[in-house]
Amino acid sequence: MIKSISIIFPIFNESNRLKYCFEDIKKFNHSSNINEIQYIFVDDGSKDNSYYIINEFIRKNKRKYNKITYKIVRLITNGGKGIALKNGVKIATKDWILTVDTDISVSLLEINKWIKNKYLKKNNEIFFASRNLKKSIVKFEYHRKLVGLIFIIICRLFLKINLSDTQCGFKLYKKNIAKKIFVRLKEKKFAHDIEVVLLAKKLNNEIIELPIKWVHKNDSKINLIKDSINMFFALIKIKKNLVDNR
């Protein structure tokens, strides 16, 4: 079903974790039967050596496979994950677009499993990985799980979102759908996932949730208390925008 795919990594000060990302890319390159793979790294104003580390990886690997290409986009200032993904989607050229977190909490190899298990039905155009499905294998910290469940309940009550997991970074879109959604995206940071869901709904695109293996990684950029508060206010803003745009 997937003949070509653009894979987008949002990067912000990831110099200590990029090695895990590169290892996963190499495994995926060896195992995937997808005809064309485009990797897009969006450096969202990193202050460390992320940009140079990625460039060196690209230099060493760009000629190994004809079917694989690499791009890097460097943003001067840190705009947020939503901005990084928006820039990545804008230049993506393949039939499908996958957004994935650089810490590889979800491995790219999960795409192989989705294809093997025939989860990707022809008529569906958006697939979200969900950590809360019965078939998912999840290694998590319990306090993060609790915060996630509270957030899901708030989204259901406040925004009528009935998905079991909006915040997992592993999301697959048909290219034309992703471009329609992300060109409209206004939310810059972690709440962008919620706006993506609401934009998909507005464009009459169904989101299918699929099981994955998810492993918690240390050195997360998320501050549970601070970002939870910011997310709550972002939801209020998104809710207000929905009312204003009716």
Protein backbone atom coordinates (compact mmCIF):
# COMPACT_ATOMS: atom_id res chain seq x y z
CA MET A 1 0.00 0.00 0.00
CA ILE A 2 2.83 2.42 0.83
CA LYS A 3 5.04 2.91 -2.22
CA SER A 4 6.81 6.03 -1.00
CA ILE A 5 7.04 7.82 2.34
CA SER A 6 8.43 11.05 3.80
CA ILE A 7 9.49 10.68 7.44
CA ILE A 8 9.71 13.90 9.46
CA PHE A 9 11.72 14.32 12.66
CA PRO A 10 11.26 17.55 14.68
CA ILE A 11 14.60 18.34 16.33
CA PHE A 12 15.36 20.58 19.29
CA ASN A 13 18.62 20.09 21.21
CA GLU A 14 18.73 16.35 20.53
CA SER A 15 22.51 15.85 20.26
CA ASN A 16 22.50 13.26 23.07
CA ARG A 17 19.70 11.16 21.55
CA LEU A 18 20.29 11.41 17.81
CA LYS A 19 22.38 8.23 17.83
CA TYR A 20 19.25 6.22 18.71
CA CYS A 21 17.39 7.89 15.86
CA PHE A 22 20.18 7.07 13.39
CA GLU A 23 20.34 3.44 14.54
CA ASP A 24 16.62 3.08 13.98
CA ILE A 25 16.83 4.67 10.54
CA LYS A 26 19.51 2.18 9.50
CA LYS A 27 17.40 -0.76 10.72
CA PHE A 28 14.39 0.56 8.84
CA ASN A 29 16.40 1.09 5.66
CA HIS A 30 17.54 -2.54 5.76
CA SER A 31 14.12 -4.02 6.51
CA SER A 32 11.63 -1.86 4.62
CA ASN A 33 10.11 -2.85 1.28
CA ILE A 34 8.92 0.69 0.58
CA ASN A 35 10.19 1.84 -2.82
CA GLU A 36 11.19 5.40 -1.87
CA ILE A 37 11.99 6.87 1.54
CA GLN A 38 12.61 10.55 2.22
CA TYR A 39 13.93 11.58 5.64
CA ILE A 40 13.36 15.18 6.68
CA PHE A 41 15.05 16.56 9.79
CA VAL A 42 13.69 19.92 10.97
CA ASP A 43 16.12 21.59 13.38
CA ASP A 44 13.86 23.87 15.38
CA GLY A 45 16.44 26.42 16.52
CA SER A 46 18.68 24.01 18.43
CA LYS A 47 21.43 25.57 20.55
CA ASP A 48 23.56 22.41 20.67
CA ASN A 49 25.32 20.48 17.89
CA SER A 50 22.22 18.74 16.54
CA TYR A 51 22.40 20.42 13.12
CA TYR A 52 26.05 19.45 12.58
CA ILE A 53 25.55 15.89 13.83
CA ILE A 54 22.65 15.39 11.40
CA ASN A 55 24.63 16.87 8.52
CA GLU A 56 27.48 14.48 9.21
CA PHE A 57 25.08 11.52 9.28
CA ILE A 58 23.59 12.61 5.96
CA ARG A 59 27.05 13.04 4.42
CA LYS A 60 28.04 9.49 5.39
CA ASN A 61 24.78 7.82 4.36
CA LYS A 62 23.29 9.75 1.43
CA ARG A 63 24.78 7.50 -1.28
CA LYS A 64 24.18 4.10 0.32
CA TYR A 65 20.70 3.50 -1.15
CA ASN A 66 19.28 4.98 -4.34
CA LYS A 67 15.75 4.79 -2.97
CA ILE A 68 16.59 6.87 0.12
CA THR A 69 17.09 10.64 0.34
CA TYR A 70 17.80 12.98 3.24
CA LYS A 71 16.93 16.63 3.81
CA ILE A 72 17.61 19.00 6.69
CA VAL A 73 15.77 22.23 7.40
CA ARG A 74 17.26 24.68 9.87
CA LEU A 75 14.98 27.15 11.63
CA ILE A 76 16.81 30.11 13.16
CA THR A 77 14.64 30.38 16.26
CA ASN A 78 12.80 27.76 18.31
CA GLY A 79 9.14 27.94 17.25
CA GLY A 80 7.81 24.73 18.77
CA LYS A 81 7.04 21.20 17.61
CA GLY A 82 3.99 22.30 15.62
CA ILE A 83 6.08 24.79 13.65
CA ALA A 84 8.81 22.21 13.01
CA LEU A 85 6.33 19.67 11.65
CA LYS A 86 4.56 22.30 9.58
CA ASN A 87 7.86 23.14 7.87
CA GLY A 88 8.63 19.47 7.31
CA VAL A 89 5.24 18.68 5.80
CA LYS A 90 5.58 21.68 3.49
CA ILE A 91 8.60 20.21 1.70
CA ALA A 92 7.63 16.52 1.88
CA THR A 93 7.23 14.98 -1.59
CA LYS A 94 6.32 11.31 -1.11
CA ASP A 95 2.86 9.71 -1.19
CA TRP A 96 2.68 9.23 2.58
CA ILE A 97 3.98 11.38 5.44
CA LEU A 98 5.03 9.99 8.83
CA THR A 99 5.77 12.25 11.78
CA VAL A 100 7.86 10.64 14.50
CA ASP A 101 9.65 11.78 17.65
CA THR A 102 13.44 11.79 17.55
CA ASP A 103 13.78 9.81 20.79
CA ILE A 104 12.31 6.78 18.95
CA SER A 105 9.85 5.96 21.71
CA VAL A 106 8.11 4.33 18.76
CA SER A 107 10.45 2.65 16.28
CA LEU A 108 10.10 3.16 12.54
CA LEU A 109 9.86 -0.63 12.38
CA GLU A 110 6.26 -0.30 13.60
CA ILE A 111 5.37 0.77 10.04
CA ASN A 112 6.53 -2.66 8.85
CA LYS A 113 4.20 -4.27 11.41
CA TRP A 114 1.27 -2.10 10.31
CA ILE A 115 1.83 -3.17 6.71
CA LYS A 116 2.33 -6.85 7.61
CA ASN A 117 -0.84 -6.92 9.72
CA LYS A 118 -2.80 -5.15 6.96
CA TYR A 119 -3.86 -2.34 9.28
CA LEU A 120 -3.55 0.29 6.56
CA LYS A 121 -6.87 0.05 4.75
CA LYS A 122 -7.18 1.61 1.29
CA ASN A 123 -9.93 4.08 2.09
CA ASN A 124 -8.30 5.56 5.20
CA GLU A 125 -5.86 8.44 4.99
CA ILE A 126 -4.84 9.24 8.59
CA PHE A 127 -3.47 6.75 11.13
CA PHE A 128 -2.47 7.64 14.70
CA ALA A 129 -0.43 5.35 16.92
CA SER A 130 -2.20 4.88 20.24
CA ARG A 131 -0.59 3.78 23.49
CA ASN A 132 -4.01 3.03 24.96
CA LEU A 133 -5.18 0.23 22.68
CA LYS A 134 -5.29 -3.32 24.04
CA LYS A 135 -2.77 -4.61 21.49
CA SER A 136 -0.25 -1.87 22.24
CA ILE A 137 2.85 -2.72 24.25
CA VAL A 138 3.75 0.20 26.48
CA LYS A 139 6.57 0.75 28.97
CA PHE A 140 5.77 3.94 30.81
CA GLU A 141 6.12 5.88 34.04
CA TYR A 142 2.84 5.74 35.97
CA HIS A 143 2.63 9.46 36.68
CA ARG A 144 2.90 10.18 32.94
CA LYS A 145 0.18 7.64 32.26
CA LEU A 146 -2.08 9.37 34.79
CA VAL A 147 -1.49 12.82 33.28
CA GLY A 148 -2.19 11.39 29.82
CA LEU A 149 -5.49 9.87 30.90
CA ILE A 150 -6.61 13.12 32.53
CA PHE A 151 -5.75 14.98 29.34
CA ILE A 152 -7.79 12.53 27.24
CA ILE A 153 -10.82 13.01 29.51
CA ILE A 154 -10.50 16.80 29.23
CA CYS A 155 -10.30 16.55 25.43
CA ARG A 156 -13.43 14.39 25.31
CA LEU A 157 -15.45 16.68 27.57
CA PHE A 158 -14.11 19.97 26.31
CA LEU A 159 -13.58 19.38 22.57
CA LYS A 160 -15.64 16.23 21.85
CA ILE A 161 -12.53 14.31 20.76
CA ASN A 162 -13.13 10.56 21.06
CA LEU A 163 -9.62 9.27 20.35
CA SER A 164 -7.82 7.25 23.00
CA ASP A 165 -4.45 8.95 22.41
CA THR A 166 -3.86 12.26 20.64
CA GLN A 167 -0.33 12.95 21.89
CA CYS A 168 1.73 10.02 20.61
CA GLY A 169 4.11 11.52 18.03
CA PHE A 170 3.88 8.60 15.58
CA LYS A 171 1.29 9.67 12.97
CA LEU A 172 0.83 8.65 9.33
CA TYR A 173 -0.98 10.72 6.70
CA LYS A 174 -1.66 10.60 2.99
CA LYS A 175 0.42 13.47 1.58
CA ASN A 176 -2.45 15.54 0.21
CA ILE A 177 -4.33 15.32 3.52
CA ALA A 178 -1.28 16.23 5.62
CA LYS A 179 -0.59 19.28 3.50
CA LYS A 180 -4.20 20.48 3.79
CA ILE A 181 -4.09 20.09 7.56
CA PHE A 182 -0.65 21.52 8.34
CA VAL A 183 -0.94 24.57 6.09
CA ARG A 184 -3.89 25.57 8.32
CA LEU A 185 -2.10 24.77 11.59
CA LYS A 186 -1.72 27.70 14.01
CA GLU A 187 -0.80 26.03 17.30
CA LYS A 188 3.00 26.09 17.61
CA LYS A 189 3.78 23.75 20.48
CA PHE A 190 2.64 20.46 22.00
CA ALA A 191 -1.08 21.22 21.68
CA HIS A 192 -0.69 21.16 17.90
CA ASP A 193 -1.82 17.51 17.99
CA ILE A 194 -5.24 18.61 19.19
CA GLU A 195 -5.55 21.18 16.43
CA VAL A 196 -4.53 18.51 13.88
CA VAL A 197 -7.39 16.30 15.11
CA LEU A 198 -9.90 19.14 14.89
CA LEU A 199 -8.68 20.20 11.44
CA ALA A 200 -8.95 16.62 10.21
CA LYS A 201 -12.52 16.50 11.51
CA LYS A 202 -13.31 19.83 9.83
CA LEU A 203 -11.98 18.44 6.53
CA ASN A 204 -14.08 15.26 6.98
CA ASN A 205 -11.08 12.97 7.39
CA GLU A 206 -11.43 10.02 9.76
CA ILE A 207 -8.52 9.17 12.06
CA ILE A 208 -7.84 5.48 12.63
CA GLU A 209 -5.92 4.51 15.78
CA LEU A 210 -3.46 1.63 15.56
CA PRO A 211 -1.47 -0.32 18.19
CA ILE A 212 2.25 0.18 18.66
CA LYS A 213 5.13 -0.70 20.93
CA TRP A 214 6.07 2.39 22.93
CA VAL A 215 9.01 2.73 25.31
CA HIS A 216 9.55 5.73 27.59
CA LYS A 217 12.87 7.49 26.97
CA ASN A 218 14.71 9.72 29.43
CA ASP A 219 15.67 13.38 28.81
CA SER A 220 12.20 14.30 27.59
CA LYS A 221 11.68 17.95 26.65
CA ILE A 222 8.26 17.85 28.34
CA ASN A 223 7.88 19.33 31.81
CA LEU A 224 4.81 17.60 33.21
CA ILE A 225 3.60 20.45 35.43
CA LYS A 226 4.54 23.44 33.27
CA ASP A 227 3.51 21.88 29.96
CA SER A 228 0.27 20.48 31.39
CA ILE A 229 -0.72 24.00 32.43
CA ASN A 230 0.32 25.39 29.04
CA MET A 231 -1.64 22.64 27.27
CA PHE A 232 -4.77 23.49 29.26
CA PHE A 233 -4.61 27.15 28.25
CA ALA A 234 -3.86 26.10 24.67
CA LEU A 235 -7.04 24.01 24.68
CA ILE A 236 -9.03 27.04 25.82
CA LYS A 237 -7.52 29.03 22.96
CA ILE A 238 -8.31 26.31 20.42
CA LYS A 239 -11.86 26.03 21.77
CA LYS A 240 -12.30 29.80 21.44
CA ASN A 241 -11.00 29.74 17.85
CA LEU A 242 -13.50 27.02 17.00
CA VAL A 243 -16.37 29.13 18.30
CA ASP A 244 -15.12 32.27 16.53
CA ASN A 245 -14.73 30.45 13.19
CA ARG A 246 -18.17 28.91 13.07
